[in-house]
PDB file of N, CA and C in Angstrom:
ATOM      1  N   MET A   1       4.575  21.509  13.076  1.00  0.00           N
ATOM      2  CA  MET A   1       3.423  21.249  12.243  1.00  0.00           C
ATOM      3  C   MET A   1       3.247  19.737  12.062  1.00  0.00           C
ATOM      4  N   ILE A   2       2.023  19.284  12.109  1.00  0.00           N
ATOM      5  CA  ILE A   2       1.706  17.862  11.922  1.00  0.00           C
ATOM      6  C   ILE A   2       1.173  17.674  10.500  1.00  0.00           C
ATOM      7  N   HIS A   3       1.736  16.722   9.794  1.00  0.00           N
ATOM      8  CA  HIS A   3       1.280  16.381   8.448  1.00  0.00           C
ATOM      9  C   HIS A   3       0.709  14.967   8.476  1.00  0.00           C
ATOM     10  N   THR A   4      -0.407  14.781   7.821  1.00  0.00           N
ATOM     11  CA  THR A   4      -1.082  13.482   7.827  1.00  0.00           C
ATOM     12  C   THR A   4      -1.408  13.050   6.403  1.00  0.00           C
ATOM     13  N   VAL A   5      -1.126  11.802   6.108  1.00  0.00           N
ATOM     14  CA  VAL A   5      -1.554  11.173   4.869  1.00  0.00           C
ATOM     15  C   VAL A   5      -2.588  10.128   5.271  1.00  0.00           C
ATOM     16  N   GLU A   6      -3.781  10.212   4.673  1.00  0.00           N
ATOM     17  CA  GLU A   6      -4.846   9.254   4.994  1.00  0.00           C
ATOM     18  C   GLU A   6      -5.197   8.403   3.782  1.00  0.00           C
ATOM     19  N   LEU A   7      -5.557   7.170   4.064  1.00  0.00           N
ATOM     20  CA  LEU A   7      -6.076   6.239   3.076  1.00  0.00           C
ATOM     21  C   LEU A   7      -7.351   5.682   3.706  1.00  0.00           C
ATOM     22  N   ASN A   8      -8.488   6.079   3.193  1.00  0.00           N
ATOM     23  CA  ASN A   8      -9.765   5.752   3.839  1.00  0.00           C
ATOM     24  C   ASN A   8     -10.635   4.867   2.960  1.00  0.00           C
ATOM     25  N   GLY A   9     -11.295   3.928   3.602  1.00  0.00           N
ATOM     26  CA  GLY A   9     -12.302   3.123   2.920  1.00  0.00           C
ATOM     27  C   GLY A   9     -11.746   2.114   1.929  1.00  0.00           C
ATOM     28  N   VAL A  10     -10.608   1.497   2.260  1.00  0.00           N
ATOM     29  CA  VAL A  10     -10.064   0.451   1.393  1.00  0.00           C
ATOM     30  C   VAL A  10     -10.960  -0.778   1.549  1.00  0.00           C
ATOM     31  N   LYS A  11     -11.686  -1.110   0.506  1.00  0.00           N
ATOM     32  CA  LYS A  11     -12.624  -2.238   0.553  1.00  0.00           C
ATOM     33  C   LYS A  11     -11.922  -3.505   0.089  1.00  0.00           C
ATOM     34  N   VAL A  12     -12.031  -4.550   0.912  1.00  0.00           N
ATOM     35  CA  VAL A  12     -11.352  -5.809   0.647  1.00  0.00           C
ATOM     36  C   VAL A  12     -12.304  -6.963   0.952  1.00  0.00           C
ATOM     37  N   TYR A  13     -12.259  -7.989   0.127  1.00  0.00           N
ATOM     38  CA  TYR A  13     -12.953  -9.237   0.434  1.00  0.00           C
ATOM     39  C   TYR A  13     -11.880 -10.196   0.924  1.00  0.00           C
ATOM     40  N   ALA A  14     -12.036 -10.691   2.155  1.00  0.00           N
ATOM     41  CA  ALA A  14     -10.991 -11.525   2.753  1.00  0.00           C
ATOM     42  C   ALA A  14     -11.619 -12.665   3.548  1.00  0.00           C
ATOM     43  N   PHE A  15     -10.780 -13.528   4.081  1.00  0.00           N
ATOM     44  CA  PHE A  15     -11.230 -14.776   4.705  1.00  0.00           C
ATOM     45  C   PHE A  15     -10.787 -14.884   6.158  1.00  0.00           C
ATOM     46  N   HIS A  16     -10.921 -13.798   6.906  1.00  0.00           N
ATOM     47  CA  HIS A  16     -10.539 -13.778   8.314  1.00  0.00           C
ATOM     48  C   HIS A  16     -11.702 -14.251   9.181  1.00  0.00           C
ATOM     49  N   GLY A  17     -11.372 -14.854  10.310  1.00  0.00           N
ATOM     50  CA  GLY A  17     -12.400 -15.260  11.255  1.00  0.00           C
ATOM     51  C   GLY A  17     -12.076 -16.580  11.906  1.00  0.00           C
ATOM     52  N   CYS A  18     -12.664 -16.805  13.062  1.00  0.00           N
ATOM     53  CA  CYS A  18     -12.431 -18.035  13.829  1.00  0.00           C
ATOM     54  C   CYS A  18     -13.297 -19.194  13.354  1.00  0.00           C
ATOM     55  N   LEU A  19     -14.399 -18.891  12.698  1.00  0.00           N
ATOM     56  CA  LEU A  19     -15.308 -19.949  12.257  1.00  0.00           C
ATOM     57  C   LEU A  19     -14.828 -20.575  10.951  1.00  0.00           C
ATOM     58  N   PRO A  20     -14.968 -21.893  10.809  1.00  0.00           N
ATOM     59  CA  PRO A  20     -14.562 -22.559   9.564  1.00  0.00           C
ATOM     60  C   PRO A  20     -15.272 -21.986   8.337  1.00  0.00           C
ATOM     61  N   GLU A  21     -16.527 -21.571   8.512  1.00  0.00           N
ATOM     62  CA  GLU A  21     -17.289 -21.009   7.397  1.00  0.00           C
ATOM     63  C   GLU A  21     -16.646 -19.724   6.877  1.00  0.00           C
ATOM     64  N   GLU A  22     -16.064 -18.939   7.784  1.00  0.00           N
ATOM     65  CA  GLU A  22     -15.443 -17.685   7.371  1.00  0.00           C
ATOM     66  C   GLU A  22     -14.217 -17.931   6.494  1.00  0.00           C
ATOM     67  N   ALA A  23     -13.533 -19.040   6.738  1.00  0.00           N
ATOM     68  CA  ALA A  23     -12.367 -19.390   5.918  1.00  0.00           C
ATOM     69  C   ALA A  23     -12.796 -19.792   4.509  1.00  0.00           C
ATOM     70  N   LYS A  24     -14.002 -20.330   4.384  1.00  0.00           N
ATOM     71  CA  LYS A  24     -14.499 -20.785   3.086  1.00  0.00           C
ATOM     72  C   LYS A  24     -15.261 -19.698   2.344  1.00  0.00           C
ATOM     73  N   ILE A  25     -16.134 -19.004   3.065  1.00  0.00           N
ATOM     74  CA  ILE A  25     -17.041 -18.033   2.442  1.00  0.00           C
ATOM     75  C   ILE A  25     -16.417 -16.651   2.336  1.00  0.00           C
ATOM     76  N   GLY A  26     -15.693 -16.240   3.366  1.00  0.00           N
ATOM     77  CA  GLY A  26     -15.096 -14.907   3.388  1.00  0.00           C
ATOM     78  C   GLY A  26     -16.104 -13.837   3.742  1.00  0.00           C
ATOM     79  N   GLY A  27     -15.657 -12.601   3.700  1.00  0.00           N
ATOM     80  CA  GLY A  27     -16.531 -11.493   4.028  1.00  0.00           C
ATOM     81  C   GLY A  27     -15.908 -10.166   3.627  1.00  0.00           C
ATOM     82  N   HIS A  28     -16.692  -9.120   3.804  1.00  0.00           N
ATOM     83  CA  HIS A  28     -16.267  -7.775   3.427  1.00  0.00           C
ATOM     84  C   HIS A  28     -15.582  -7.074   4.603  1.00  0.00           C
ATOM     85  N   TYR A  29     -14.508  -6.352   4.281  1.00  0.00           N
ATOM     86  CA  TYR A  29     -13.739  -5.595   5.257  1.00  0.00           C
ATOM     87  C   TYR A  29     -13.453  -4.215   4.694  1.00  0.00           C
ATOM     88  N   VAL A  30     -13.270  -3.271   5.605  1.00  0.00           N
ATOM     89  CA  VAL A  30     -12.880  -1.915   5.221  1.00  0.00           C
ATOM     90  C   VAL A  30     -11.713  -1.518   6.112  1.00  0.00           C
ATOM     91  N   VAL A  31     -10.669  -0.964   5.491  1.00  0.00           N
ATOM     92  CA  VAL A  31      -9.495  -0.536   6.241  1.00  0.00           C
ATOM     93  C   VAL A  31      -9.314   0.967   6.046  1.00  0.00           C
ATOM     94  N   ASP A  32      -9.115   1.668   7.167  1.00  0.00           N
ATOM     95  CA  ASP A  32      -8.793   3.093   7.167  1.00  0.00           C
ATOM     96  C   ASP A  32      -7.420   3.250   7.789  1.00  0.00           C
ATOM     97  N   LEU A  33      -6.626   4.132   7.206  1.00  0.00           N
ATOM     98  CA  LEU A  33      -5.238   4.286   7.612  1.00  0.00           C
ATOM     99  C   LEU A  33      -4.878   5.766   7.648  1.00  0.00           C
ATOM    100  N   SER A  34      -4.202   6.157   8.712  1.00  0.00           N
ATOM    101  CA  SER A  34      -3.730   7.531   8.865  1.00  0.00           C
ATOM    102  C   SER A  34      -2.262   7.486   9.279  1.00  0.00           C
ATOM    103  N   VAL A  35      -1.414   8.199   8.541  1.00  0.00           N
ATOM    104  CA  VAL A  35       0.015   8.195   8.792  1.00  0.00           C
ATOM    105  C   VAL A  35       0.479   9.618   9.071  1.00  0.00           C
ATOM    106  N   GLN A  36       1.139   9.805  10.205  1.00  0.00           N
ATOM    107  CA  GLN A  36       1.757  11.088  10.506  1.00  0.00           C
ATOM    108  C   GLN A  36       3.167  11.070   9.939  1.00  0.00           C
ATOM    109  N   THR A  37       3.506  12.137   9.236  1.00  0.00           N
ATOM    110  CA  THR A  37       4.796  12.241   8.582  1.00  0.00           C
ATOM    111  C   THR A  37       5.157  13.717   8.478  1.00  0.00           C
ATOM    112  N   ASN A  38       6.229  14.004   7.826  1.00  0.00           N
ATOM    113  CA  ASN A  38       6.587  15.386   7.548  1.00  0.00           C
ATOM    114  C   ASN A  38       6.686  15.532   6.034  1.00  0.00           C
ATOM    115  N   PHE A  39       5.672  16.144   5.432  1.00  0.00           N
ATOM    116  CA  PHE A  39       5.731  16.330   3.984  1.00  0.00           C
ATOM    117  C   PHE A  39       5.954  17.792   3.591  1.00  0.00           C
ATOM    118  N   GLU A  40       6.630  18.512   4.473  1.00  0.00           N
ATOM    119  CA  GLU A  40       6.971  19.908   4.184  1.00  0.00           C
ATOM    120  C   GLU A  40       7.797  20.014   2.900  1.00  0.00           C
ATOM    121  N   LYS A  41       8.780  19.126   2.744  1.00  0.00           N
ATOM    122  CA  LYS A  41       9.612  19.149   1.546  1.00  0.00           C
ATOM    123  C   LYS A  41       8.780  18.856   0.300  1.00  0.00           C
ATOM    124  N   ALA A  42       7.874  17.879   0.375  1.00  0.00           N
ATOM    125  CA  ALA A  42       7.023  17.543  -0.764  1.00  0.00           C
ATOM    126  C   ALA A  42       6.130  18.719  -1.155  1.00  0.00           C
ATOM    127  N   ALA A  43       5.675  19.459  -0.159  1.00  0.00           N
ATOM    128  CA  ALA A  43       4.840  20.631  -0.432  1.00  0.00           C
ATOM    129  C   ALA A  43       5.622  21.687  -1.212  1.00  0.00           C
ATOM    130  N   GLU A  44       6.940  21.715  -1.002  1.00  0.00           N
ATOM    131  CA  GLU A  44       7.793  22.665  -1.720  1.00  0.00           C
ATOM    132  C   GLU A  44       8.233  22.135  -3.082  1.00  0.00           C
ATOM    133  N   THR A  45       8.633  20.861  -3.126  1.00  0.00           N
ATOM    134  CA  THR A  45       9.222  20.303  -4.349  1.00  0.00           C
ATOM    135  C   THR A  45       8.196  19.748  -5.330  1.00  0.00           C
ATOM    136  N   ASP A  46       7.018  19.380  -4.839  1.00  0.00           N
ATOM    137  CA  ASP A  46       5.983  18.740  -5.655  1.00  0.00           C
ATOM    138  C   ASP A  46       6.460  17.382  -6.181  1.00  0.00           C
ATOM    139  N   GLU A  47       7.293  16.699  -5.382  1.00  0.00           N
ATOM    140  CA  GLU A  47       7.834  15.403  -5.768  1.00  0.00           C
ATOM    141  C   GLU A  47       7.331  14.309  -4.829  1.00  0.00           C
ATOM    142  N   LEU A  48       6.872  13.208  -5.399  1.00  0.00           N
ATOM    143  CA  LEU A  48       6.338  12.075  -4.637  1.00  0.00           C
ATOM    144  C   LEU A  48       7.380  11.470  -3.694  1.00  0.00           C
ATOM    145  N   ILE A  49       8.615  11.477  -4.090  1.00  0.00           N
ATOM    146  CA  ILE A  49       9.686  10.887  -3.275  1.00  0.00           C
ATOM    147  C   ILE A  49       9.816  11.572  -1.914  1.00  0.00           C
ATOM    148  N   ASP A  50       9.287  12.780  -1.789  1.00  0.00           N
ATOM    149  CA  ASP A  50       9.429  13.577  -0.566  1.00  0.00           C
ATOM    150  C   ASP A  50       8.259  13.429   0.395  1.00  0.00           C
ATOM    151  N   THR A  51       7.416  12.426   0.175  1.00  0.00           N
ATOM    152  CA  THR A  51       6.278  12.183   1.066  1.00  0.00           C
ATOM    153  C   THR A  51       6.025  10.683   1.171  1.00  0.00           C
ATOM    154  N   VAL A  52       5.024  10.310   1.933  1.00  0.00           N
ATOM    155  CA  VAL A  52       4.606   8.911   2.025  1.00  0.00           C
ATOM    156  C   VAL A  52       3.613   8.656   0.889  1.00  0.00           C
ATOM    157  N   ASP A  53       3.901   7.673   0.070  1.00  0.00           N
ATOM    158  CA  ASP A  53       3.100   7.348  -1.109  1.00  0.00           C
ATOM    159  C   ASP A  53       1.899   6.493  -0.705  1.00  0.00           C
ATOM    160  N   TYR A  54       0.696   7.016  -0.890  1.00  0.00           N
ATOM    161  CA  TYR A  54      -0.492   6.261  -0.491  1.00  0.00           C
ATOM    162  C   TYR A  54      -0.740   5.058  -1.394  1.00  0.00           C
ATOM    163  N   VAL A  55      -0.132   5.019  -2.571  1.00  0.00           N
ATOM    164  CA  VAL A  55      -0.223   3.829  -3.420  1.00  0.00           C
ATOM    165  C   VAL A  55       0.504   2.665  -2.746  1.00  0.00           C
ATOM    166  N   VAL A  56       1.645   2.943  -2.129  1.00  0.00           N
ATOM    167  CA  VAL A  56       2.396   1.923  -1.396  1.00  0.00           C
ATOM    168  C   VAL A  56       1.597   1.465  -0.180  1.00  0.00           C
ATOM    169  N   LEU A  57       0.982   2.406   0.538  1.00  0.00           N
ATOM    170  CA  LEU A  57       0.156   2.051   1.698  1.00  0.00           C
ATOM    171  C   LEU A  57      -0.984   1.129   1.280  1.00  0.00           C
ATOM    172  N   ASN A  58      -1.656   1.448   0.190  1.00  0.00           N
ATOM    173  CA  ASN A  58      -2.762   0.636  -0.309  1.00  0.00           C
ATOM    174  C   ASN A  58      -2.285  -0.773  -0.659  1.00  0.00           C
ATOM    175  N   LYS A  59      -1.129  -0.879  -1.283  1.00  0.00           N
ATOM    176  CA  LYS A  59      -0.562  -2.186  -1.649  1.00  0.00           C
ATOM    177  C   LYS A  59      -0.303  -3.028  -0.396  1.00  0.00           C
ATOM    178  N   ILE A  60       0.269  -2.417   0.627  1.00  0.00           N
ATOM    179  CA  ILE A  60       0.541  -3.130   1.879  1.00  0.00           C
ATOM    180  C   ILE A  60      -0.756  -3.628   2.507  1.00  0.00           C
ATOM    181  N   VAL A  61      -1.764  -2.763   2.567  1.00  0.00           N
ATOM    182  CA  VAL A  61      -3.058  -3.152   3.141  1.00  0.00           C
ATOM    183  C   VAL A  61      -3.629  -4.352   2.390  1.00  0.00           C
ATOM    184  N   LYS A  62      -3.662  -4.291   1.083  1.00  0.00           N
ATOM    185  CA  LYS A  62      -4.250  -5.386   0.294  1.00  0.00           C
ATOM    186  C   LYS A  62      -3.457  -6.681   0.444  1.00  0.00           C
ATOM    187  N   GLU A  63      -2.132  -6.585   0.463  1.00  0.00           N
ATOM    188  CA  GLU A  63      -1.318  -7.796   0.619  1.00  0.00           C
ATOM    189  C   GLU A  63      -1.518  -8.439   1.982  1.00  0.00           C
ATOM    190  N   GLU A  64      -1.549  -7.647   3.031  1.00  0.00           N
ATOM    191  CA  GLU A  64      -1.723  -8.206   4.376  1.00  0.00           C
ATOM    192  C   GLU A  64      -3.147  -8.721   4.598  1.00  0.00           C
ATOM    193  N   MET A  65      -4.130  -8.050   4.037  1.00  0.00           N
ATOM    194  CA  MET A  65      -5.514  -8.521   4.167  1.00  0.00           C
ATOM    195  C   MET A  65      -5.730  -9.833   3.409  1.00  0.00           C
ATOM    196  N   ALA A  66      -4.891 -10.123   2.436  1.00  0.00           N
ATOM    197  CA  ALA A  66      -5.015 -11.361   1.660  1.00  0.00           C
ATOM    198  C   ALA A  66      -4.482 -12.576   2.411  1.00  0.00           C
ATOM    199  N   ILE A  67      -3.748 -12.348   3.493  1.00  0.00           N
ATOM    200  CA  ILE A  67      -3.219 -13.450   4.303  1.00  0.00           C
ATOM    201  C   ILE A  67      -4.216 -13.740   5.424  1.00  0.00           C
ATOM    202  N   ARG A  68      -4.764 -14.931   5.444  1.00  0.00           N
ATOM    203  CA  ARG A  68      -5.810 -15.281   6.406  1.00  0.00           C
ATOM    204  C   ARG A  68      -5.317 -15.191   7.858  1.00  0.00           C
ATOM    205  N   SER A  69      -6.162 -14.607   8.684  1.00  0.00           N
ATOM    206  CA  SER A  69      -5.965 -14.575  10.137  1.00  0.00           C
ATOM    207  C   SER A  69      -7.278 -14.944  10.795  1.00  0.00           C
ATOM    208  N   LYS A  70      -7.210 -15.517  11.971  1.00  0.00           N
ATOM    209  CA  LYS A  70      -8.438 -15.770  12.726  1.00  0.00           C
ATOM    210  C   LYS A  70      -8.987 -14.460  13.277  1.00  0.00           C
ATOM    211  N   LEU A  71      -8.086 -13.546  13.669  1.00  0.00           N
ATOM    212  CA  LEU A  71      -8.499 -12.310  14.331  1.00  0.00           C
ATOM    213  C   LEU A  71      -8.118 -11.085  13.502  1.00  0.00           C
ATOM    214  N   ILE A  72      -9.017 -10.105  13.474  1.00  0.00           N
ATOM    215  CA  ILE A  72      -8.677  -8.859  12.780  1.00  0.00           C
ATOM    216  C   ILE A  72      -7.609  -8.090  13.554  1.00  0.00           C
ATOM    217  N   GLU A  73      -7.469  -8.380  14.838  1.00  0.00           N
ATOM    218  CA  GLU A  73      -6.381  -7.789  15.613  1.00  0.00           C
ATOM    219  C   GLU A  73      -5.021  -8.200  15.028  1.00  0.00           C
ATOM    220  N   HIS A  74      -4.939  -9.457  14.618  1.00  0.00           N
ATOM    221  CA  HIS A  74      -3.698  -9.997  14.056  1.00  0.00           C
ATOM    222  C   HIS A  74      -3.371  -9.351  12.714  1.00  0.00           C
ATOM    223  N   VAL A  75      -4.335  -9.292  11.829  1.00  0.00           N
ATOM    224  CA  VAL A  75      -4.087  -8.689  10.516  1.00  0.00           C
ATOM    225  C   VAL A  75      -3.807  -7.184  10.659  1.00  0.00           C
ATOM    226  N   GLY A  76      -4.477  -6.525  11.592  1.00  0.00           N
ATOM    227  CA  GLY A  76      -4.213  -5.105  11.837  1.00  0.00           C
ATOM    228  C   GLY A  76      -2.787  -4.865  12.287  1.00  0.00           C
ATOM    229  N   GLN A  77      -2.290  -5.714  13.177  1.00  0.00           N
ATOM    230  CA  GLN A  77      -0.913  -5.571  13.658  1.00  0.00           C
ATOM    231  C   GLN A  77       0.091  -5.854  12.541  1.00  0.00           C
ATOM    232  N   ARG A  78      -0.230  -6.793  11.675  1.00  0.00           N
ATOM    233  CA  ARG A  78       0.651  -7.060  10.528  1.00  0.00           C
ATOM    234  C   ARG A  78       0.746  -5.843   9.615  1.00  0.00           C
ATOM    235  N   ILE A  79      -0.374  -5.163   9.398  1.00  0.00           N
ATOM    236  CA  ILE A  79      -0.367  -3.947   8.575  1.00  0.00           C
ATOM    237  C   ILE A  79       0.526  -2.891   9.220  1.00  0.00           C
ATOM    238  N   VAL A  80       0.365  -2.688  10.521  1.00  0.00           N
ATOM    239  CA  VAL A  80       1.192  -1.717  11.247  1.00  0.00           C
ATOM    240  C   VAL A  80       2.668  -2.070  11.111  1.00  0.00           C
ATOM    241  N   ASN A  81       3.012  -3.323  11.365  1.00  0.00           N
ATOM    242  CA  ASN A  81       4.407  -3.752  11.309  1.00  0.00           C
ATOM    243  C   ASN A  81       5.003  -3.541   9.921  1.00  0.00           C
ATOM    244  N   ARG A  82       4.259  -3.896   8.885  1.00  0.00           N
ATOM    245  CA  ARG A  82       4.745  -3.745   7.512  1.00  0.00           C
ATOM    246  C   ARG A  82       5.003  -2.286   7.185  1.00  0.00           C
ATOM    247  N   ILE A  83       4.082  -1.417   7.568  1.00  0.00           N
ATOM    248  CA  ILE A  83       4.262   0.005   7.265  1.00  0.00           C
ATOM    249  C   ILE A  83       5.476   0.551   8.005  1.00  0.00           C
ATOM    250  N   LYS A  84       5.600   0.203   9.283  1.00  0.00           N
ATOM    251  CA  LYS A  84       6.756   0.683  10.061  1.00  0.00           C
ATOM    252  C   LYS A  84       8.076   0.181   9.488  1.00  0.00           C
ATOM    253  N   ASN A  85       8.089  -1.046   8.979  1.00  0.00           N
ATOM    254  CA  ASN A  85       9.312  -1.635   8.444  1.00  0.00           C
ATOM    255  C   ASN A  85       9.625  -1.222   7.011  1.00  0.00           C
ATOM    256  N   ASP A  86       8.592  -1.009   6.206  1.00  0.00           N
ATOM    257  CA  ASP A  86       8.792  -0.828   4.762  1.00  0.00           C
ATOM    258  C   ASP A  86       8.666   0.602   4.255  1.00  0.00           C
ATOM    259  N   VAL A  87       8.077   1.496   5.044  1.00  0.00           N
ATOM    260  CA  VAL A  87       7.802   2.849   4.546  1.00  0.00           C
ATOM    261  C   VAL A  87       8.622   3.863   5.337  1.00  0.00           C
ATOM    262  N   GLU A  88       9.435   4.613   4.637  1.00  0.00           N
ATOM    263  CA  GLU A  88      10.257   5.634   5.282  1.00  0.00           C
ATOM    264  C   GLU A  88       9.440   6.886   5.574  1.00  0.00           C
ATOM    265  N   GLY A  89       9.797   7.561   6.652  1.00  0.00           N
ATOM    266  CA  GLY A  89       9.190   8.846   6.968  1.00  0.00           C
ATOM    267  C   GLY A  89       7.921   8.773   7.796  1.00  0.00           C
ATOM    268  N   VAL A  90       7.569   7.598   8.294  1.00  0.00           N
ATOM    269  CA  VAL A  90       6.362   7.453   9.109  1.00  0.00           C
ATOM    270  C   VAL A  90       6.721   7.723  10.568  1.00  0.00           C
ATOM    271  N   ASP A  91       6.130   8.774  11.135  1.00  0.00           N
ATOM    272  CA  ASP A  91       6.365   9.102  12.541  1.00  0.00           C
ATOM    273  C   ASP A  91       5.431   8.310  13.462  1.00  0.00           C
ATOM    274  N   SER A  92       4.182   8.198  13.065  1.00  0.00           N
ATOM    275  CA  SER A  92       3.200   7.396  13.795  1.00  0.00           C
ATOM    276  C   SER A  92       2.068   7.068  12.838  1.00  0.00           C
ATOM    277  N   LEU A  93       1.227   6.111  13.246  1.00  0.00           N
ATOM    278  CA  LEU A  93       0.127   5.735  12.374  1.00  0.00           C
ATOM    279  C   LEU A  93      -1.058   5.218  13.164  1.00  0.00           C
ATOM    280  N   ARG A  94      -2.179   5.169  12.470  1.00  0.00           N
ATOM    281  CA  ARG A  94      -3.428   4.648  13.028  1.00  0.00           C
ATOM    282  C   ARG A  94      -4.058   3.762  11.965  1.00  0.00           C
ATOM    283  N   VAL A  95      -4.363   2.526  12.335  1.00  0.00           N
ATOM    284  CA  VAL A  95      -4.995   1.581  11.419  1.00  0.00           C
ATOM    285  C   VAL A  95      -6.314   1.123  12.027  1.00  0.00           C
ATOM    286  N   LYS A  96      -7.354   1.170  11.230  1.00  0.00           N
ATOM    287  CA  LYS A  96      -8.664   0.665  11.647  1.00  0.00           C
ATOM    288  C   LYS A  96      -9.085  -0.411  10.655  1.00  0.00           C
ATOM    289  N   VAL A  97      -9.351  -1.615  11.168  1.00  0.00           N
ATOM    290  CA  VAL A  97      -9.838  -2.719  10.351  1.00  0.00           C
ATOM    291  C   VAL A  97     -11.273  -2.996  10.780  1.00  0.00           C
ATOM    292  N   THR A  98     -12.188  -2.884   9.836  1.00  0.00           N
ATOM    293  CA  THR A  98     -13.611  -3.076  10.096  1.00  0.00           C
ATOM    294  C   THR A  98     -14.099  -4.334   9.384  1.00  0.00           C
ATOM    295  N   LYS A  99     -14.759  -5.198  10.146  1.00  0.00           N
ATOM    296  CA  LYS A  99     -15.384  -6.397   9.588  1.00  0.00           C
ATOM    297  C   LYS A  99     -16.870  -6.093   9.428  1.00  0.00           C
ATOM    298  N   VAL A 100     -17.334  -6.108   8.194  1.00  0.00           N
ATOM    299  CA  VAL A 100     -18.721  -5.759   7.882  1.00  0.00           C
ATOM    300  C   VAL A 100     -19.609  -6.993   8.090  1.00  0.00           C
ATOM    301  N   CYS A 101     -20.736  -6.797   8.738  1.00  0.00           N
ATOM    302  CA  CYS A 101     -21.714  -7.862   8.991  1.00  0.00           C
ATOM    303  C   CYS A 101     -21.085  -9.118   9.604  1.00  0.00           C
ATOM    304  N   PRO A 102     -20.505  -9.008  10.782  1.00  0.00           N
ATOM    305  CA  PRO A 102     -19.866 -10.170  11.411  1.00  0.00           C
ATOM    306  C   PRO A 102     -20.910 -11.209  11.849  1.00  0.00           C
ATOM    307  N   PRO A 103     -20.549 -12.483  11.822  1.00  0.00           N
ATOM    308  CA  PRO A 103     -21.486 -13.532  12.216  1.00  0.00           C
ATOM    309  C   PRO A 103     -21.534 -13.683  13.743  1.00  0.00           C
ATOM    310  N   ILE A 104     -22.258 -12.778  14.414  1.00  0.00           N
ATOM    311  CA  ILE A 104     -22.282 -12.816  15.877  1.00  0.00           C
ATOM    312  C   ILE A 104     -23.695 -12.957  16.441  1.00  0.00           C
ATOM    313  N   ASN A 105     -24.599 -13.523  15.646  1.00  0.00           N
ATOM    314  CA  ASN A 105     -25.970 -13.764  16.100  1.00  0.00           C
ATOM    315  C   ASN A 105     -26.653 -12.503  16.627  1.00  0.00           C
ATOM    316  N   GLY A 106     -26.524 -11.438  15.870  1.00  0.00           N
ATOM    317  CA  GLY A 106     -27.185 -10.195  16.244  1.00  0.00           C
ATOM    318  C   GLY A 106     -27.230  -9.263  15.052  1.00  0.00           C
ATOM    319  N   ASP A 107     -28.018  -8.217  15.161  1.00  0.00           N
ATOM    320  CA  ASP A 107     -28.161  -7.229  14.099  1.00  0.00           C
ATOM    321  C   ASP A 107     -27.088  -6.154  14.297  1.00  0.00           C
ATOM    322  N   VAL A 108     -25.902  -6.410  13.743  1.00  0.00           N
ATOM    323  CA  VAL A 108     -24.747  -5.539  13.926  1.00  0.00           C
ATOM    324  C   VAL A 108     -24.192  -5.167  12.553  1.00  0.00           C
ATOM    325  N   ASN A 109     -23.984  -3.881  12.323  1.00  0.00           N
ATOM    326  CA  ASN A 109     -23.422  -3.438  11.041  1.00  0.00           C
ATOM    327  C   ASN A 109     -21.977  -3.890  10.864  1.00  0.00           C
ATOM    328  N   ASN A 110     -21.166  -3.707  11.923  1.00  0.00           N
ATOM    329  CA  ASN A 110     -19.768  -4.051  11.809  1.00  0.00           C
ATOM    330  C   ASN A 110     -19.117  -4.107  13.180  1.00  0.00           C
ATOM    331  N   VAL A 111     -17.920  -4.684  13.187  1.00  0.00           N
ATOM    332  CA  VAL A 111     -17.037  -4.628  14.351  1.00  0.00           C
ATOM    333  C   VAL A 111     -15.693  -4.118  13.832  1.00  0.00           C
ATOM    334  N   ALA A 112     -14.907  -3.510  14.693  1.00  0.00           N
ATOM    335  CA  ALA A 112     -13.644  -2.945  14.229  1.00  0.00           C
ATOM    336  C   ALA A 112     -12.597  -2.966  15.348  1.00  0.00           C
ATOM    337  N   ILE A 113     -11.358  -2.940  14.918  1.00  0.00           N
ATOM    338  CA  ILE A 113     -10.232  -2.742  15.840  1.00  0.00           C
ATOM    339  C   ILE A 113      -9.453  -1.529  15.345  1.00  0.00           C
ATOM    340  N   ILE A 114      -8.825  -0.846  16.279  1.00  0.00           N
ATOM    341  CA  ILE A 114      -7.988   0.301  15.958  1.00  0.00           C
ATOM    342  C   ILE A 114      -6.658   0.126  16.669  1.00  0.00           C
ATOM    343  N   ILE A 115      -5.584   0.339  15.911  1.00  0.00           N
ATOM    344  CA  ILE A 115      -4.240   0.299  16.466  1.00  0.00           C
ATOM    345  C   ILE A 115      -3.585   1.653  16.176  1.00  0.00           C
ATOM    346  N   GLU A 116      -3.052   2.269  17.219  1.00  0.00           N
ATOM    347  CA  GLU A 116      -2.361   3.546  17.056  1.00  0.00           C
ATOM    348  C   GLU A 116      -0.957   3.421  17.631  1.00  0.00           C
ATOM    349  N   GLY A 117      -0.014   4.008  16.963  1.00  0.00           N
ATOM    350  CA  GLY A 117       1.336   3.956  17.487  1.00  0.00           C
ATOM    351  C   GLY A 117       2.352   4.598  16.588  1.00  0.00           C
TER     352      GLY A 117
END
């Protein structure tokens, strides 16, 4: 059986980007996270210790998004690395970092990267 814990639509204002203006002005980002784990025990015990705590996942996302990167690929990989290193019981995960209204001289809602592993 596959068990998944999701954290969707984490809204963050951050200062990522290659342009100097992005470092000063910042922009809106949305992070979606999916973690494969085994929460069979938690389903039986009703105890938080027996599953992956999405409050911890949210904290990691916000802390890593607060550290400036030129590329969302870089911040996305940092989120993956932190979760793999700091959270027990993670079998695999998927992180999507979306940059809302990127400055790319076009009418684009967003750009995003996805890391799975």
